[in-house]
PDB file of N, CA and C in Angstrom:
ATOM      1  N   UNK A   1      -9.422  -4.853   4.563  1.00  0.00           N
ATOM      2  CA  UNK A   1     -10.095  -3.640   4.198  1.00  0.00           C
ATOM      3  C   UNK A   1     -11.585  -3.877   4.361  1.00  0.00           C
ATOM      4  N   UNK A   2     -12.287  -2.892   4.944  1.00  0.00           N
ATOM      5  CA  UNK A   2     -13.722  -3.011   5.131  1.00  0.00           C
ATOM      6  C   UNK A   2     -14.424  -2.902   3.795  1.00  0.00           C
ATOM      7  N   UNK A   3     -15.554  -3.561   3.703  1.00  0.00           N
ATOM      8  CA  UNK A   3     -16.376  -3.449   2.514  1.00  0.00           C
ATOM      9  C   UNK A   3     -17.716  -2.865   2.899  1.00  0.00           C
ATOM     10  N   UNK A   4     -18.260  -2.025   2.061  1.00  0.00           N
ATOM     11  CA  UNK A   4     -19.563  -1.437   2.294  1.00  0.00           C
ATOM     12  C   UNK A   4     -20.496  -1.881   1.184  1.00  0.00           C
ATOM     13  N   UNK A   5     -21.761  -2.039   1.524  1.00  0.00           N
ATOM     14  CA  UNK A   5     -22.745  -2.399   0.510  1.00  0.00           C
ATOM     15  C   UNK A   5     -23.298  -1.129  -0.113  1.00  0.00           C
ATOM     16  N   UNK A   6     -23.569  -1.190  -1.383  1.00  0.00           N
ATOM     17  CA  UNK A   6     -24.224  -0.074  -2.052  1.00  0.00           C
ATOM     18  C   UNK A   6     -25.161  -0.639  -3.103  1.00  0.00           C
ATOM     19  N   UNK A   7     -26.130   0.150  -3.471  1.00  0.00           N
ATOM     20  CA  UNK A   7     -27.082  -0.303  -4.466  1.00  0.00           C
ATOM     21  C   UNK A   7     -26.746   0.318  -5.800  1.00  0.00           C
ATOM     22  N   UNK A   8     -26.645  -0.505  -6.810  1.00  0.00           N
ATOM     23  CA  UNK A   8     -26.336  -0.061  -8.161  1.00  0.00           C
ATOM     24  C   UNK A   8     -27.625   0.427  -8.800  1.00  0.00           C
ATOM     25  N   UNK A   9     -27.705   1.719  -9.100  1.00  0.00           N
ATOM     26  CA  UNK A   9     -28.930   2.284  -9.656  1.00  0.00           C
ATOM     27  C   UNK A   9     -29.149   1.911 -11.118  1.00  0.00           C
ATOM     28  N   UNK A  10     -28.166   1.312 -11.763  1.00  0.00           N
ATOM     29  CA  UNK A  10     -28.318   0.904 -13.152  1.00  0.00           C
ATOM     30  C   UNK A  10     -29.184  -0.355 -13.249  1.00  0.00           C
ATOM     31  N   UNK A  11     -29.384  -1.019 -12.115  1.00  0.00           N
ATOM     32  CA  UNK A  11     -30.266  -2.168 -12.132  1.00  0.00           C
ATOM     33  C   UNK A  11     -29.592  -3.485 -11.837  1.00  0.00           C
ATOM     34  N   UNK A  12     -28.338  -3.458 -11.489  1.00  0.00           N
ATOM     35  CA  UNK A  12     -27.654  -4.706 -11.200  1.00  0.00           C
ATOM     36  C   UNK A  12     -27.848  -5.143  -9.754  1.00  0.00           C
ATOM     37  N   UNK A  13     -28.434  -4.303  -8.919  1.00  0.00           N
ATOM     38  CA  UNK A  13     -28.729  -4.691  -7.546  1.00  0.00           C
ATOM     39  C   UNK A  13     -27.611  -4.353  -6.583  1.00  0.00           C
ATOM     40  N   UNK A  14     -27.632  -5.041  -5.445  1.00  0.00           N
ATOM     41  CA  UNK A  14     -26.655  -4.796  -4.391  1.00  0.00           C
ATOM     42  C   UNK A  14     -25.325  -5.440  -4.741  1.00  0.00           C
ATOM     43  N   UNK A  15     -24.255  -4.753  -4.414  1.00  0.00           N
ATOM     44  CA  UNK A  15     -22.923  -5.321  -4.601  1.00  0.00           C
ATOM     45  C   UNK A  15     -21.984  -4.727  -3.558  1.00  0.00           C
ATOM     46  N   UNK A  16     -20.829  -5.348  -3.396  1.00  0.00           N
ATOM     47  CA  UNK A  16     -19.847  -4.914  -2.404  1.00  0.00           C
ATOM     48  C   UNK A  16     -18.860  -3.958  -3.059  1.00  0.00           C
ATOM     49  N   UNK A  17     -18.610  -2.847  -2.388  1.00  0.00           N
ATOM     50  CA  UNK A  17     -17.611  -1.890  -2.841  1.00  0.00           C
ATOM     51  C   UNK A  17     -16.610  -1.683  -1.724  1.00  0.00           C
ATOM     52  N   UNK A  18     -15.332  -1.667  -2.042  1.00  0.00           N
ATOM     53  CA  UNK A  18     -14.372  -1.376  -0.978  1.00  0.00           C
ATOM     54  C   UNK A  18     -14.529   0.064  -0.519  1.00  0.00           C
ATOM     55  N   UNK A  19     -14.601   0.264   0.777  1.00  0.00           N
ATOM     56  CA  UNK A  19     -14.581   1.627   1.302  1.00  0.00           C
ATOM     57  C   UNK A  19     -13.182   1.863   1.856  1.00  0.00           C
ATOM     58  N   UNK A  20     -12.649   2.999   1.556  1.00  0.00           N
ATOM     59  CA  UNK A  20     -11.289   3.322   1.949  1.00  0.00           C
ATOM     60  C   UNK A  20     -11.359   4.399   3.021  1.00  0.00           C
ATOM     61  N   UNK A  21     -10.727   4.137   4.143  1.00  0.00           N
ATOM     62  CA  UNK A  21     -10.744   5.087   5.251  1.00  0.00           C
ATOM     63  C   UNK A  21      -9.736   6.202   5.015  1.00  0.00           C
ATOM     64  N   UNK A  22      -9.925   7.340   5.680  1.00  0.00           N
ATOM     65  CA  UNK A  22      -8.927   8.409   5.573  1.00  0.00           C
ATOM     66  C   UNK A  22      -7.548   7.955   6.061  1.00  0.00           C
ATOM     67  N   UNK A  23      -7.526   7.053   7.045  1.00  0.00           N
ATOM     68  CA  UNK A  23      -6.247   6.545   7.553  1.00  0.00           C
ATOM     69  C   UNK A  23      -5.500   5.748   6.488  1.00  0.00           C
ATOM     70  N   UNK A  24      -6.236   4.998   5.675  1.00  0.00           N
ATOM     71  CA  UNK A  24      -5.601   4.234   4.603  1.00  0.00           C
ATOM     72  C   UNK A  24      -4.940   5.178   3.599  1.00  0.00           C
ATOM     73  N   UNK A  25      -5.648   6.229   3.219  1.00  0.00           N
ATOM     74  CA  UNK A  25      -5.099   7.190   2.258  1.00  0.00           C
ATOM     75  C   UNK A  25      -3.892   7.911   2.869  1.00  0.00           C
ATOM     76  N   UNK A  26      -4.020   8.357   4.127  1.00  0.00           N
ATOM     77  CA  UNK A  26      -2.918   9.065   4.780  1.00  0.00           C
ATOM     78  C   UNK A  26      -1.685   8.179   4.922  1.00  0.00           C
ATOM     79  N   UNK A  27      -1.892   6.891   5.207  1.00  0.00           N
ATOM     80  CA  UNK A  27      -0.734   6.000   5.336  1.00  0.00           C
ATOM     81  C   UNK A  27       0.006   5.886   4.009  1.00  0.00           C
ATOM     82  N   UNK A  28      -0.731   5.810   2.912  1.00  0.00           N
ATOM     83  CA  UNK A  28      -0.079   5.773   1.592  1.00  0.00           C
ATOM     84  C   UNK A  28       0.660   7.074   1.310  1.00  0.00           C
ATOM     85  N   UNK A  29       0.018   8.201   1.619  1.00  0.00           N
ATOM     86  CA  UNK A  29       0.667   9.498   1.381  1.00  0.00           C
ATOM     87  C   UNK A  29       1.950   9.619   2.199  1.00  0.00           C
ATOM     88  N   UNK A  30       1.893   9.224   3.473  1.00  0.00           N
ATOM     89  CA  UNK A  30       3.082   9.300   4.332  1.00  0.00           C
ATOM     90  C   UNK A  30       4.202   8.396   3.817  1.00  0.00           C
ATOM     91  N   UNK A  31       3.842   7.195   3.388  1.00  0.00           N
ATOM     92  CA  UNK A  31       4.845   6.283   2.842  1.00  0.00           C
ATOM     93  C   UNK A  31       5.427   6.841   1.555  1.00  0.00           C
ATOM     94  N   UNK A  32       4.586   7.446   0.722  1.00  0.00           N
ATOM     95  CA  UNK A  32       5.074   8.034  -0.528  1.00  0.00           C
ATOM     96  C   UNK A  32       6.053   9.174  -0.271  1.00  0.00           C
ATOM     97  N   UNK A  33       5.798   9.955   0.776  1.00  0.00           N
ATOM     98  CA  UNK A  33       6.738  11.021   1.141  1.00  0.00           C
ATOM     99  C   UNK A  33       8.051  10.406   1.618  1.00  0.00           C
ATOM    100  N   UNK A  34       7.965   9.370   2.446  1.00  0.00           N
ATOM    101  CA  UNK A  34       9.179   8.716   2.958  1.00  0.00           C
ATOM    102  C   UNK A  34       9.989   8.083   1.835  1.00  0.00           C
ATOM    103  N   UNK A  35       9.303   7.609   0.809  1.00  0.00           N
ATOM    104  CA  UNK A  35       9.973   6.913  -0.297  1.00  0.00           C
ATOM    105  C   UNK A  35      10.356   7.848  -1.441  1.00  0.00           C
ATOM    106  N   UNK A  36      10.196   9.149  -1.258  1.00  0.00           N
ATOM    107  CA  UNK A  36      10.429  10.085  -2.353  1.00  0.00           C
ATOM    108  C   UNK A  36      11.838   9.962  -2.923  1.00  0.00           C
ATOM    109  N   UNK A  37      12.784   9.593  -2.105  1.00  0.00           N
ATOM    110  CA  UNK A  37      14.147   9.359  -2.581  1.00  0.00           C
ATOM    111  C   UNK A  37      14.487   7.893  -2.372  1.00  0.00           C
ATOM    112  N   UNK A  38      15.008   7.272  -3.374  1.00  0.00           N
ATOM    113  CA  UNK A  38      15.417   5.880  -3.261  1.00  0.00           C
ATOM    114  C   UNK A  38      16.620   5.683  -2.358  1.00  0.00           C
ATOM    115  N   UNK A  39      17.235   6.793  -1.948  1.00  0.00           N
ATOM    116  CA  UNK A  39      18.433   6.709  -1.124  1.00  0.00           C
ATOM    117  C   UNK A  39      18.145   6.873   0.368  1.00  0.00           C
ATOM    118  N   UNK A  40      16.862   6.807   0.745  1.00  0.00           N
ATOM    119  CA  UNK A  40      16.473   6.893   2.150  1.00  0.00           C
ATOM    120  C   UNK A  40      16.794   5.561   2.811  1.00  0.00           C
ATOM    121  N   UNK A  41      17.370   5.624   4.029  1.00  0.00           N
ATOM    122  CA  UNK A  41      17.741   4.381   4.703  1.00  0.00           C
ATOM    123  C   UNK A  41      16.488   3.635   5.190  1.00  0.00           C
ATOM    124  N   UNK A  42      16.630   2.347   5.340  1.00  0.00           N
ATOM    125  CA  UNK A  42      15.530   1.472   5.742  1.00  0.00           C
ATOM    126  C   UNK A  42      14.897   1.916   7.057  1.00  0.00           C
ATOM    127  N   UNK A  43      15.703   2.354   7.998  1.00  0.00           N
ATOM    128  CA  UNK A  43      15.183   2.763   9.309  1.00  0.00           C
ATOM    129  C   UNK A  43      14.145   3.878   9.196  1.00  0.00           C
ATOM    130  N   UNK A  44      14.281   4.744   8.210  1.00  0.00           N
ATOM    131  CA  UNK A  44      13.356   5.875   8.051  1.00  0.00           C
ATOM    132  C   UNK A  44      12.049   5.494   7.370  1.00  0.00           C
ATOM    133  N   UNK A  45      12.007   4.370   6.700  1.00  0.00           N
ATOM    134  CA  UNK A  45      10.769   3.990   6.002  1.00  0.00           C
ATOM    135  C   UNK A  45      10.018   2.853   6.693  1.00  0.00           C
ATOM    136  N   UNK A  46      10.621   2.237   7.698  1.00  0.00           N
ATOM    137  CA  UNK A  46       9.976   1.095   8.362  1.00  0.00           C
ATOM    138  C   UNK A  46       8.598   1.445   8.930  1.00  0.00           C
ATOM    139  N   UNK A  47       8.514   2.529   9.705  1.00  0.00           N
ATOM    140  CA  UNK A  47       7.237   2.881  10.333  1.00  0.00           C
ATOM    141  C   UNK A  47       6.158   3.221   9.306  1.00  0.00           C
ATOM    142  N   UNK A  48       6.424   4.106   8.325  1.00  0.00           N
ATOM    143  CA  UNK A  48       5.375   4.388   7.332  1.00  0.00           C
ATOM    144  C   UNK A  48       4.918   3.142   6.568  1.00  0.00           C
ATOM    145  N   UNK A  49       5.859   2.252   6.252  1.00  0.00           N
ATOM    146  CA  UNK A  49       5.484   1.027   5.545  1.00  0.00           C
ATOM    147  C   UNK A  49       4.655   0.107   6.439  1.00  0.00           C
ATOM    148  N   UNK A  50       5.030   0.021   7.705  1.00  0.00           N
ATOM    149  CA  UNK A  50       4.264  -0.793   8.642  1.00  0.00           C
ATOM    150  C   UNK A  50       2.833  -0.288   8.783  1.00  0.00           C
ATOM    151  N   UNK A  51       2.669   1.046   8.790  1.00  0.00           N
ATOM    152  CA  UNK A  51       1.324   1.620   8.879  1.00  0.00           C
ATOM    153  C   UNK A  51       0.497   1.314   7.631  1.00  0.00           C
ATOM    154  N   UNK A  52       1.124   1.380   6.462  1.00  0.00           N
ATOM    155  CA  UNK A  52       0.410   1.014   5.229  1.00  0.00           C
ATOM    156  C   UNK A  52      -0.086  -0.425   5.345  1.00  0.00           C
ATOM    157  N   UNK A  53       0.805  -1.319   5.753  1.00  0.00           N
ATOM    158  CA  UNK A  53       0.413  -2.721   5.891  1.00  0.00           C
ATOM    159  C   UNK A  53      -0.734  -2.915   6.868  1.00  0.00           C
ATOM    160  N   UNK A  54      -0.674  -2.214   7.991  1.00  0.00           N
ATOM    161  CA  UNK A  54      -1.718  -2.336   8.997  1.00  0.00           C
ATOM    162  C   UNK A  54      -3.047  -1.767   8.547  1.00  0.00           C
ATOM    163  N   UNK A  55      -3.032  -0.549   8.022  1.00  0.00           N
ATOM    164  CA  UNK A  55      -4.276   0.085   7.596  1.00  0.00           C
ATOM    165  C   UNK A  55      -4.916  -0.598   6.385  1.00  0.00           C
ATOM    166  N   UNK A  56      -4.101  -1.218   5.546  1.00  0.00           N
ATOM    167  CA  UNK A  56      -4.632  -1.877   4.365  1.00  0.00           C
ATOM    168  C   UNK A  56      -4.886  -3.364   4.608  1.00  0.00           C
ATOM    169  N   UNK A  57      -4.771  -3.803   5.853  1.00  0.00           N
ATOM    170  CA  UNK A  57      -5.132  -5.177   6.223  1.00  0.00           C
ATOM    171  C   UNK A  57      -4.243  -6.246   5.605  1.00  0.00           C
ATOM    172  N   UNK A  58      -2.970  -5.940   5.459  1.00  0.00           N
ATOM    173  CA  UNK A  58      -2.046  -6.916   4.871  1.00  0.00           C
ATOM    174  C   UNK A  58      -1.670  -7.987   5.893  1.00  0.00           C
ATOM    175  N   UNK A  59      -1.154  -9.069   5.392  1.00  0.00           N
ATOM    176  CA  UNK A  59      -0.718 -10.186   6.220  1.00  0.00           C
ATOM    177  C   UNK A  59       0.260  -9.683   7.287  1.00  0.00           C
ATOM    178  N   UNK A  60       0.065 -10.080   8.549  1.00  0.00           N
ATOM    179  CA  UNK A  60       0.978  -9.647   9.610  1.00  0.00           C
ATOM    180  C   UNK A  60       2.445 -10.001   9.340  1.00  0.00           C
ATOM    181  N   UNK A  61       2.686 -11.084   8.619  1.00  0.00           N
ATOM    182  CA  UNK A  61       4.060 -11.468   8.282  1.00  0.00           C
ATOM    183  C   UNK A  61       4.716 -10.407   7.394  1.00  0.00           C
ATOM    184  N   UNK A  62       3.954  -9.835   6.474  1.00  0.00           N
ATOM    185  CA  UNK A  62       4.478  -8.772   5.604  1.00  0.00           C
ATOM    186  C   UNK A  62       4.828  -7.554   6.446  1.00  0.00           C
ATOM    187  N   UNK A  63       3.938  -7.203   7.364  1.00  0.00           N
ATOM    188  CA  UNK A  63       4.174  -6.047   8.230  1.00  0.00           C
ATOM    189  C   UNK A  63       5.430  -6.271   9.070  1.00  0.00           C
ATOM    190  N   UNK A  64       5.581  -7.457   9.603  1.00  0.00           N
ATOM    191  CA  UNK A  64       6.762  -7.780  10.402  1.00  0.00           C
ATOM    192  C   UNK A  64       8.035  -7.709   9.559  1.00  0.00           C
ATOM    193  N   UNK A  65       7.967  -8.196   8.328  1.00  0.00           N
ATOM    194  CA  UNK A  65       9.132  -8.147   7.449  1.00  0.00           C
ATOM    195  C   UNK A  65       9.602  -6.717   7.216  1.00  0.00           C
ATOM    196  N   UNK A  66       8.665  -5.799   6.925  1.00  0.00           N
ATOM    197  CA  UNK A  66       9.076  -4.422   6.620  1.00  0.00           C
ATOM    198  C   UNK A  66       9.413  -3.627   7.874  1.00  0.00           C
ATOM    199  N   UNK A  67       8.788  -3.958   8.990  1.00  0.00           N
ATOM    200  CA  UNK A  67       9.000  -3.133  10.178  1.00  0.00           C
ATOM    201  C   UNK A  67      10.130  -3.615  11.073  1.00  0.00           C
ATOM    202  N   UNK A  68      10.527  -4.898  10.962  1.00  0.00           N
ATOM    203  CA  UNK A  68      11.554  -5.396  11.877  1.00  0.00           C
ATOM    204  C   UNK A  68      12.541  -6.371  11.246  1.00  0.00           C
ATOM    205  N   UNK A  69      12.363  -6.705  10.001  1.00  0.00           N
ATOM    206  CA  UNK A  69      13.226  -7.707   9.379  1.00  0.00           C
ATOM    207  C   UNK A  69      14.567  -7.153   8.938  1.00  0.00           C
ATOM    208  N   UNK A  70      15.456  -8.069   8.574  1.00  0.00           N
ATOM    209  CA  UNK A  70      16.745  -7.686   8.009  1.00  0.00           C
ATOM    210  C   UNK A  70      16.498  -6.930   6.702  1.00  0.00           C
ATOM    211  N   UNK A  71      17.507  -6.252   6.177  1.00  0.00           N
ATOM    212  CA  UNK A  71      17.297  -5.552   4.905  1.00  0.00           C
ATOM    213  C   UNK A  71      16.736  -6.449   3.792  1.00  0.00           C
ATOM    214  N   UNK A  72      17.259  -7.648   3.659  1.00  0.00           N
ATOM    215  CA  UNK A  72      16.753  -8.561   2.616  1.00  0.00           C
ATOM    216  C   UNK A  72      15.299  -8.958   2.884  1.00  0.00           C
ATOM    217  N   UNK A  73      15.000  -9.232   4.144  1.00  0.00           N
ATOM    218  CA  UNK A  73      13.631  -9.599   4.519  1.00  0.00           C
ATOM    219  C   UNK A  73      12.691  -8.423   4.292  1.00  0.00           C
ATOM    220  N   UNK A  74      13.139  -7.208   4.624  1.00  0.00           N
ATOM    221  CA  UNK A  74      12.321  -6.012   4.411  1.00  0.00           C
ATOM    222  C   UNK A  74      12.018  -5.820   2.926  1.00  0.00           C
ATOM    223  N   UNK A  75      13.002  -6.076   2.092  1.00  0.00           N
ATOM    224  CA  UNK A  75      12.790  -5.951   0.648  1.00  0.00           C
ATOM    225  C   UNK A  75      11.726  -6.942   0.185  1.00  0.00           C
ATOM    226  N   UNK A  76      11.768  -8.175   0.687  1.00  0.00           N
ATOM    227  CA  UNK A  76      10.724  -9.149   0.333  1.00  0.00           C
ATOM    228  C   UNK A  76       9.354  -8.650   0.794  1.00  0.00           C
ATOM    229  N   UNK A  77       9.301  -8.053   1.987  1.00  0.00           N
ATOM    230  CA  UNK A  77       8.048  -7.509   2.496  1.00  0.00           C
ATOM    231  C   UNK A  77       7.535  -6.351   1.659  1.00  0.00           C
ATOM    232  N   UNK A  78       8.446  -5.475   1.250  1.00  0.00           N
ATOM    233  CA  UNK A  78       8.057  -4.337   0.409  1.00  0.00           C
ATOM    234  C   UNK A  78       7.494  -4.827  -0.916  1.00  0.00           C
ATOM    235  N   UNK A  79       8.141  -5.812  -1.511  1.00  0.00           N
ATOM    236  CA  UNK A  79       7.646  -6.366  -2.776  1.00  0.00           C
ATOM    237  C   UNK A  79       6.285  -7.031  -2.586  1.00  0.00           C
ATOM    238  N   UNK A  80       6.093  -7.686  -1.451  1.00  0.00           N
ATOM    239  CA  UNK A  80       4.789  -8.304  -1.160  1.00  0.00           C
ATOM    240  C   UNK A  80       3.712  -7.227  -0.990  1.00  0.00           C
ATOM    241  N   UNK A  81       4.076  -6.099  -0.373  1.00  0.00           N
ATOM    242  CA  UNK A  81       3.137  -4.988  -0.236  1.00  0.00           C
ATOM    243  C   UNK A  81       2.740  -4.457  -1.609  1.00  0.00           C
ATOM    244  N   UNK A  82       3.728  -4.308  -2.465  1.00  0.00           N
ATOM    245  CA  UNK A  82       3.453  -3.837  -3.829  1.00  0.00           C
ATOM    246  C   UNK A  82       2.505  -4.791  -4.547  1.00  0.00           C
ATOM    247  N   UNK A  83       2.741  -6.094  -4.393  1.00  0.00           N
ATOM    248  CA  UNK A  83       1.862  -7.084  -5.034  1.00  0.00           C
ATOM    249  C   UNK A  83       0.442  -6.999  -4.493  1.00  0.00           C
ATOM    250  N   UNK A  84       0.300  -6.814  -3.185  1.00  0.00           N
ATOM    251  CA  UNK A  84      -1.033  -6.704  -2.586  1.00  0.00           C
ATOM    252  C   UNK A  84      -1.769  -5.476  -3.107  1.00  0.00           C
ATOM    253  N   UNK A  85      -1.069  -4.343  -3.147  1.00  0.00           N
ATOM    254  CA  UNK A  85      -1.705  -3.117  -3.624  1.00  0.00           C
ATOM    255  C   UNK A  85      -1.945  -3.143  -5.131  1.00  0.00           C
ATOM    256  N   UNK A  86      -1.091  -3.848  -5.870  1.00  0.00           N
ATOM    257  CA  UNK A  86      -1.271  -3.943  -7.326  1.00  0.00           C
ATOM    258  C   UNK A  86      -2.588  -4.623  -7.676  1.00  0.00           C
ATOM    259  N   UNK A  87      -3.058  -5.506  -6.805  1.00  0.00           N
ATOM    260  CA  UNK A  87      -4.345  -6.178  -7.046  1.00  0.00           C
ATOM    261  C   UNK A  87      -5.503  -5.199  -6.980  1.00  0.00           C
ATOM    262  N   UNK A  88      -5.330  -4.108  -6.254  1.00  0.00           N
ATOM    263  CA  UNK A  88      -6.373  -3.083  -6.136  1.00  0.00           C
ATOM    264  C   UNK A  88      -6.203  -1.960  -7.152  1.00  0.00           C
ATOM    265  N   UNK A  89      -4.984  -1.803  -7.624  1.00  0.00           N
ATOM    266  CA  UNK A  89      -4.631  -0.685  -8.505  1.00  0.00           C
ATOM    267  C   UNK A  89      -5.543  -0.632  -9.725  1.00  0.00           C
ATOM    268  N   UNK A  90      -6.030   0.557 -10.006  1.00  0.00           N
ATOM    269  CA  UNK A  90      -6.856   0.761 -11.188  1.00  0.00           C
ATOM    270  C   UNK A  90      -8.304   0.369 -11.017  1.00  0.00           C
ATOM    271  N   UNK A  91      -8.681  -0.072  -9.836  1.00  0.00           N
ATOM    272  CA  UNK A  91     -10.066  -0.474  -9.605  1.00  0.00           C
ATOM    273  C   UNK A  91     -11.001   0.719  -9.785  1.00  0.00           C
ATOM    274  N   UNK A  92     -12.044   0.557 -10.586  1.00  0.00           N
ATOM    275  CA  UNK A  92     -12.994   1.653 -10.767  1.00  0.00           C
ATOM    276  C   UNK A  92     -13.788   1.935  -9.491  1.00  0.00           C
ATOM    277  N   UNK A  93     -13.737   1.011  -8.536  1.00  0.00           N
ATOM    278  CA  UNK A  93     -14.453   1.209  -7.276  1.00  0.00           C
ATOM    279  C   UNK A  93     -13.690   2.123  -6.324  1.00  0.00           C
ATOM    280  N   UNK A  94     -12.411   2.375  -6.614  1.00  0.00           N
ATOM    281  CA  UNK A  94     -11.605   3.271  -5.780  1.00  0.00           C
ATOM    282  C   UNK A  94     -11.569   4.647  -6.415  1.00  0.00           C
ATOM    283  N   UNK A  95     -11.421   5.646  -5.584  1.00  0.00           N
ATOM    284  CA  UNK A  95     -11.360   7.012  -6.103  1.00  0.00           C
ATOM    285  C   UNK A  95     -10.096   7.205  -6.930  1.00  0.00           C
ATOM    286  N   UNK A  96     -10.123   8.233  -7.737  1.00  0.00           N
ATOM    287  CA  UNK A  96      -8.951   8.562  -8.558  1.00  0.00           C
ATOM    288  C   UNK A  96      -7.744   8.846  -7.671  1.00  0.00           C
ATOM    289  N   UNK A  97      -7.958   9.563  -6.560  1.00  0.00           N
ATOM    290  CA  UNK A  97      -6.873   9.882  -5.630  1.00  0.00           C
ATOM    291  C   UNK A  97      -6.287   8.616  -5.014  1.00  0.00           C
ATOM    292  N   UNK A  98      -7.144   7.673  -4.620  1.00  0.00           N
ATOM    293  CA  UNK A  98      -6.660   6.423  -4.034  1.00  0.00           C
ATOM    294  C   UNK A  98      -5.841   5.642  -5.050  1.00  0.00           C
ATOM    295  N   UNK A  99      -6.348   5.522  -6.265  1.00  0.00           N
ATOM    296  CA  UNK A  99      -5.602   4.824  -7.313  1.00  0.00           C
ATOM    297  C   UNK A  99      -4.275   5.515  -7.599  1.00  0.00           C
ATOM    298  N   UNK A 100      -4.259   6.848  -7.568  1.00  0.00           N
ATOM    299  CA  UNK A 100      -3.020   7.589  -7.807  1.00  0.00           C
ATOM    300  C   UNK A 100      -2.016   7.321  -6.698  1.00  0.00           C
ATOM    301  N   UNK A 101      -2.468   7.317  -5.464  1.00  0.00           N
ATOM    302  CA  UNK A 101      -1.565   7.063  -4.342  1.00  0.00           C
ATOM    303  C   UNK A 101      -1.022   5.629  -4.371  1.00  0.00           C
ATOM    304  N   UNK A 102      -1.868   4.678  -4.750  1.00  0.00           N
ATOM    305  CA  UNK A 102      -1.414   3.287  -4.868  1.00  0.00           C
ATOM    306  C   UNK A 102      -0.353   3.182  -5.961  1.00  0.00           C
ATOM    307  N   UNK A 103      -0.601   3.783  -7.108  1.00  0.00           N
ATOM    308  CA  UNK A 103       0.363   3.751  -8.215  1.00  0.00           C
ATOM    309  C   UNK A 103       1.686   4.387  -7.813  1.00  0.00           C
ATOM    310  N   UNK A 104       1.599   5.516  -7.127  1.00  0.00           N
ATOM    311  CA  UNK A 104       2.796   6.211  -6.682  1.00  0.00           C
ATOM    312  C   UNK A 104       3.573   5.362  -5.680  1.00  0.00           C
ATOM    313  N   UNK A 105       2.856   4.719  -4.756  1.00  0.00           N
ATOM    314  CA  UNK A 105       3.511   3.856  -3.781  1.00  0.00           C
ATOM    315  C   UNK A 105       4.256   2.725  -4.478  1.00  0.00           C
ATOM    316  N   UNK A 106       3.586   2.054  -5.391  1.00  0.00           N
ATOM    317  CA  UNK A 106       4.205   0.927  -6.092  1.00  0.00           C
ATOM    318  C   UNK A 106       5.447   1.387  -6.858  1.00  0.00           C
ATOM    319  N   UNK A 107       5.335   2.511  -7.538  1.00  0.00           N
ATOM    320  CA  UNK A 107       6.470   3.035  -8.301  1.00  0.00           C
ATOM    321  C   UNK A 107       7.649   3.369  -7.382  1.00  0.00           C
ATOM    322  N   UNK A 108       7.386   4.121  -6.322  1.00  0.00           N
ATOM    323  CA  UNK A 108       8.474   4.549  -5.436  1.00  0.00           C
ATOM    324  C   UNK A 108       9.059   3.382  -4.646  1.00  0.00           C
ATOM    325  N   UNK A 109       8.225   2.460  -4.213  1.00  0.00           N
ATOM    326  CA  UNK A 109       8.725   1.306  -3.466  1.00  0.00           C
ATOM    327  C   UNK A 109       9.623   0.448  -4.356  1.00  0.00           C
ATOM    328  N   UNK A 110       9.234   0.257  -5.604  1.00  0.00           N
ATOM    329  CA  UNK A 110      10.054  -0.532  -6.521  1.00  0.00           C
ATOM    330  C   UNK A 110      11.382   0.161  -6.826  1.00  0.00           C
ATOM    331  N   UNK A 111      11.376   1.482  -6.930  1.00  0.00           N
ATOM    332  CA  UNK A 111      12.628   2.217  -7.118  1.00  0.00           C
ATOM    333  C   UNK A 111      13.514   2.032  -5.903  1.00  0.00           C
ATOM    334  N   UNK A 112      12.927   2.160  -4.708  1.00  0.00           N
ATOM    335  CA  UNK A 112      13.700   1.972  -3.471  1.00  0.00           C
ATOM    336  C   UNK A 112      14.332   0.586  -3.433  1.00  0.00           C
ATOM    337  N   UNK A 113      13.557  -0.428  -3.800  1.00  0.00           N
ATOM    338  CA  UNK A 113      14.065  -1.810  -3.797  1.00  0.00           C
ATOM    339  C   UNK A 113      15.222  -1.949  -4.776  1.00  0.00           C
ATOM    340  N   UNK A 114      15.072  -1.417  -5.997  1.00  0.00           N
ATOM    341  CA  UNK A 114      16.150  -1.515  -6.992  1.00  0.00           C
ATOM    342  C   UNK A 114      17.435  -0.864  -6.496  1.00  0.00           C
ATOM    343  N   UNK A 115      17.317   0.288  -5.880  1.00  0.00           N
ATOM    344  CA  UNK A 115      18.508   1.011  -5.405  1.00  0.00           C
ATOM    345  C   UNK A 115      19.150   0.304  -4.212  1.00  0.00           C
ATOM    346  N   UNK A 116      18.331  -0.250  -3.337  1.00  0.00           N
ATOM    347  CA  UNK A 116      18.838  -0.784  -2.070  1.00  0.00           C
ATOM    348  C   UNK A 116      18.987  -2.293  -2.022  1.00  0.00           C
ATOM    349  N   UNK A 117      18.704  -2.980  -3.091  1.00  0.00           N
ATOM    350  CA  UNK A 117      18.842  -4.431  -3.124  1.00  0.00           C
ATOM    351  C   UNK A 117      20.315  -4.778  -3.303  1.00  0.00           C
ATOM    352  N   UNK A 118      20.984  -4.947  -2.193  1.00  0.00           N
ATOM    353  CA  UNK A 118      22.430  -5.136  -2.197  1.00  0.00           C
ATOM    354  C   UNK A 118      22.777  -6.592  -2.451  1.00  0.00           C
TER     355      UNK A 118
END
């Protein structure tokens, strides 16, 4: 994820803030729509999950797991995606909408994993 510099007017000086691109937000929204039902087959969620991983700069191994791995491997990748996004979740540097989409993704992805973990 790209970082942008900004100046803190309270007097703390320059600091790094994550900047979130429209593509990052759209990828989360698309994945959240795909994950709306825990009964969606893996083939239908692979592409949206792969885009989330790519736009959010996740490890290529995670992206490969969700986009081309076996069902068990995909589940490990989905859980790794949730862990990566959980580190950002609730950050005051992210917009309310971004935090909401991250929370929704984590919730829906975990439901999908619980239902489909055979």
